[in-house]
Amino acid sequence: MVTHLSALKTGVTARIISIQSDEIATRLIAMGLAQGSEVSVQRKALFGNTLYIKSGNLRMGLRKEEADVITVSYEE
């Protein structure tokens, strides 16, 4: 199944297919998160404006606007 990272349910592991924003892609790659990386949403902030994700040993928070431009695939 293909969706945006912002729509991924908590605890589901997915693989990044693409990042539509060059600015965000550059920043994420510098932190070690690139196309093909496995990610999972650990939790979402109260009003859903921030997603806390995990990829290997990397843990980070992303704003919903940033997660909206990251396309991921996962199995149901």
N, C-alpha and C. Protein backbone atom coordinates (compact mmCIF):
# COMPACT_ATOMS: atom_id res chain seq x y z
N MET A 1 0.85 -1.16 0.00
CA MET A 1 0.00 0.00 0.00
C MET A 1 0.90 1.24 0.00
N VAL A 2 0.51 2.26 -0.71
CA VAL A 2 1.29 3.49 -0.82
C VAL A 2 0.51 4.64 -0.20
N THR A 3 1.19 5.45 0.60
CA THR A 3 0.56 6.60 1.25
C THR A 3 1.64 7.61 1.63
N HIS A 4 1.23 8.70 2.23
CA HIS A 4 2.19 9.68 2.75
C HIS A 4 2.53 9.29 4.18
N LEU A 5 3.71 9.66 4.61
CA LEU A 5 4.16 9.34 5.97
C LEU A 5 3.19 9.89 7.01
N SER A 6 2.61 11.04 6.74
CA SER A 6 1.70 11.66 7.71
C SER A 6 0.44 10.82 7.93
N ALA A 7 0.08 9.97 6.96
CA ALA A 7 -1.13 9.16 7.08
C ALA A 7 -0.85 7.76 7.66
N LEU A 8 0.42 7.44 7.88
CA LEU A 8 0.78 6.13 8.39
C LEU A 8 0.33 5.98 9.84
N LYS A 9 -0.22 4.85 10.18
CA LYS A 9 -0.67 4.61 11.54
C LYS A 9 0.50 4.32 12.46
N THR A 10 0.33 4.64 13.72
CA THR A 10 1.36 4.42 14.72
C THR A 10 1.73 2.95 14.80
N GLY A 11 3.04 2.68 14.80
CA GLY A 11 3.53 1.32 14.93
C GLY A 11 3.74 0.58 13.62
N VAL A 12 3.27 1.11 12.50
CA VAL A 12 3.41 0.46 11.21
C VAL A 12 4.78 0.82 10.63
N THR A 13 5.49 -0.19 10.10
CA THR A 13 6.79 0.04 9.48
C THR A 13 6.59 0.15 7.97
N ALA A 14 7.23 1.16 7.37
CA ALA A 14 7.11 1.41 5.94
C ALA A 14 8.48 1.74 5.36
N ARG A 15 8.57 1.74 4.04
CA ARG A 15 9.80 2.08 3.34
C ARG A 15 9.57 3.36 2.55
N ILE A 16 10.52 4.29 2.63
CA ILE A 16 10.39 5.55 1.90
C ILE A 16 10.57 5.32 0.41
N ILE A 17 9.58 5.76 -0.37
CA ILE A 17 9.65 5.64 -1.83
C ILE A 17 10.23 6.91 -2.44
N SER A 18 9.73 8.06 -1.98
CA SER A 18 10.22 9.33 -2.52
C SER A 18 9.95 10.47 -1.56
N ILE A 19 10.70 11.55 -1.78
CA ILE A 19 10.51 12.78 -1.02
C ILE A 19 10.33 13.88 -2.06
N GLN A 20 9.14 14.50 -2.11
CA GLN A 20 8.82 15.44 -3.17
C GLN A 20 9.45 16.82 -3.01
N SER A 21 9.97 17.14 -1.87
CA SER A 21 10.59 18.45 -1.63
C SER A 21 12.10 18.30 -1.56
N ASP A 22 12.82 18.99 -2.47
CA ASP A 22 14.28 18.91 -2.47
C ASP A 22 14.87 19.45 -1.17
N GLU A 23 14.28 20.50 -0.63
CA GLU A 23 14.79 21.10 0.62
C GLU A 23 14.69 20.11 1.77
N ILE A 24 13.54 19.48 1.90
CA ILE A 24 13.33 18.50 2.98
C ILE A 24 14.18 17.26 2.73
N ALA A 25 14.27 16.82 1.47
CA ALA A 25 15.07 15.64 1.14
C ALA A 25 16.53 15.86 1.51
N THR A 26 17.08 17.02 1.21
CA THR A 26 18.47 17.33 1.53
C THR A 26 18.71 17.26 3.03
N ARG A 27 17.79 17.83 3.79
CA ARG A 27 17.94 17.84 5.25
C ARG A 27 17.83 16.43 5.83
N LEU A 28 16.88 15.63 5.34
CA LEU A 28 16.70 14.27 5.84
C LEU A 28 17.88 13.37 5.48
N ILE A 29 18.39 13.53 4.27
CA ILE A 29 19.55 12.73 3.85
C ILE A 29 20.75 13.04 4.72
N ALA A 30 20.93 14.30 5.07
CA ALA A 30 22.04 14.69 5.95
C ALA A 30 21.93 14.03 7.32
N MET A 31 20.70 13.72 7.73
CA MET A 31 20.50 13.07 9.03
C MET A 31 20.48 11.55 8.91
N GLY A 32 20.59 11.02 7.68
CA GLY A 32 20.65 9.58 7.49
C GLY A 32 19.34 8.94 7.07
N LEU A 33 18.37 9.74 6.67
CA LEU A 33 17.07 9.22 6.26
C LEU A 33 16.90 9.50 4.78
N ALA A 34 16.91 8.46 3.95
CA ALA A 34 16.86 8.63 2.50
C ALA A 34 15.86 7.66 1.88
N GLN A 35 15.71 7.77 0.57
CA GLN A 35 14.85 6.86 -0.17
C GLN A 35 15.32 5.43 0.08
N GLY A 36 14.37 4.54 0.38
CA GLY A 36 14.69 3.16 0.68
C GLY A 36 14.80 2.86 2.17
N SER A 37 14.89 3.89 3.00
CA SER A 37 14.97 3.70 4.45
C SER A 37 13.66 3.19 5.02
N GLU A 38 13.75 2.33 6.01
CA GLU A 38 12.56 1.88 6.72
C GLU A 38 12.28 2.84 7.87
N VAL A 39 11.02 3.24 8.00
CA VAL A 39 10.61 4.16 9.06
C VAL A 39 9.34 3.64 9.72
N SER A 40 9.14 4.04 10.95
CA SER A 40 7.87 3.75 11.62
C SER A 40 7.49 4.96 12.46
N VAL A 41 6.20 5.21 12.53
CA VAL A 41 5.69 6.31 13.35
C VAL A 41 5.56 5.76 14.77
N GLN A 42 6.29 6.36 15.70
CA GLN A 42 6.26 5.93 17.10
C GLN A 42 5.06 6.52 17.83
N ARG A 43 4.80 7.79 17.56
CA ARG A 43 3.63 8.44 18.15
C ARG A 43 3.36 9.74 17.42
N LYS A 44 2.17 10.27 17.64
CA LYS A 44 1.79 11.54 17.05
C LYS A 44 1.44 12.51 18.17
N ALA A 45 1.76 13.79 17.96
CA ALA A 45 1.45 14.81 18.96
C ALA A 45 -0.06 14.94 19.11
N LEU A 46 -0.48 15.57 20.17
CA LEU A 46 -1.88 15.67 20.55
C LEU A 46 -2.79 16.07 19.39
N PHE A 47 -2.47 17.13 18.69
CA PHE A 47 -3.32 17.58 17.60
C PHE A 47 -2.82 17.11 16.23
N GLY A 48 -1.85 16.21 16.22
CA GLY A 48 -1.36 15.62 14.98
C GLY A 48 -0.42 16.51 14.18
N ASN A 49 0.06 17.60 14.77
CA ASN A 49 0.95 18.51 14.05
C ASN A 49 2.38 17.99 13.97
N THR A 50 2.76 17.08 14.85
CA THR A 50 4.11 16.53 14.86
C THR A 50 4.03 15.01 14.92
N LEU A 51 4.87 14.36 14.11
CA LEU A 51 5.00 12.91 14.13
C LEU A 51 6.38 12.58 14.65
N TYR A 52 6.46 11.61 15.52
CA TYR A 52 7.75 11.15 16.03
C TYR A 52 8.03 9.81 15.37
N ILE A 53 9.12 9.77 14.61
CA ILE A 53 9.42 8.59 13.82
C ILE A 53 10.72 7.94 14.27
N LYS A 54 10.90 6.69 13.84
CA LYS A 54 12.10 5.93 14.15
C LYS A 54 12.56 5.26 12.87
N SER A 55 13.87 5.31 12.63
CA SER A 55 14.48 4.60 11.50
C SER A 55 15.84 4.10 11.99
N GLY A 56 15.93 2.82 12.26
CA GLY A 56 17.16 2.26 12.83
C GLY A 56 17.39 2.88 14.20
N ASN A 57 18.55 3.49 14.41
CA ASN A 57 18.85 4.16 15.68
C ASN A 57 18.43 5.62 15.68
N LEU A 58 17.96 6.12 14.55
CA LEU A 58 17.55 7.51 14.43
C LEU A 58 16.11 7.70 14.91
N ARG A 59 15.94 8.67 15.79
CA ARG A 59 14.60 9.04 16.25
C ARG A 59 14.49 10.54 16.07
N MET A 60 13.37 10.97 15.46
CA MET A 60 13.22 12.39 15.20
C MET A 60 11.75 12.78 15.11
N GLY A 61 11.51 14.07 15.23
CA GLY A 61 10.17 14.60 15.07
C GLY A 61 10.07 15.33 13.74
N LEU A 62 8.95 15.15 13.06
CA LEU A 62 8.69 15.83 11.80
C LEU A 62 7.37 16.56 11.90
N ARG A 63 7.32 17.76 11.34
CA ARG A 63 6.04 18.46 11.24
C ARG A 63 5.17 17.76 10.22
N LYS A 64 3.88 17.87 10.37
CA LYS A 64 2.94 17.22 9.45
C LYS A 64 3.20 17.67 8.01
N GLU A 65 3.50 18.95 7.82
CA GLU A 65 3.77 19.48 6.48
C GLU A 65 4.98 18.79 5.83
N GLU A 66 5.96 18.43 6.64
CA GLU A 66 7.13 17.72 6.13
C GLU A 66 6.77 16.27 5.82
N ALA A 67 6.01 15.64 6.69
CA ALA A 67 5.62 14.24 6.48
C ALA A 67 4.67 14.09 5.29
N ASP A 68 3.96 15.16 4.93
CA ASP A 68 3.03 15.12 3.79
C ASP A 68 3.75 14.96 2.46
N VAL A 69 5.03 15.32 2.36
CA VAL A 69 5.76 15.23 1.09
C VAL A 69 6.61 13.97 1.00
N ILE A 70 6.51 13.09 2.01
CA ILE A 70 7.26 11.83 2.01
C ILE A 70 6.30 10.70 1.67
N THR A 71 6.54 10.02 0.56
CA THR A 71 5.71 8.91 0.13
C THR A 71 6.33 7.61 0.61
N VAL A 72 5.53 6.76 1.22
CA VAL A 72 6.01 5.49 1.76
C VAL A 72 5.15 4.34 1.27
N SER A 73 5.70 3.14 1.32
CA SER A 73 4.92 1.94 1.00
C SER A 73 5.02 0.98 2.18
N TYR A 74 3.94 0.26 2.40
CA TYR A 74 3.91 -0.71 3.50
C TYR A 74 2.94 -1.83 3.15
N GLU A 75 3.05 -2.92 3.89
CA GLU A 75 2.14 -4.04 3.69
C GLU A 75 1.12 -4.05 4.81
N GLU A 76 -0.11 -4.33 4.44
CA GLU A 76 -1.18 -4.37 5.43
C GLU A 76 -1.20 -5.67 6.19
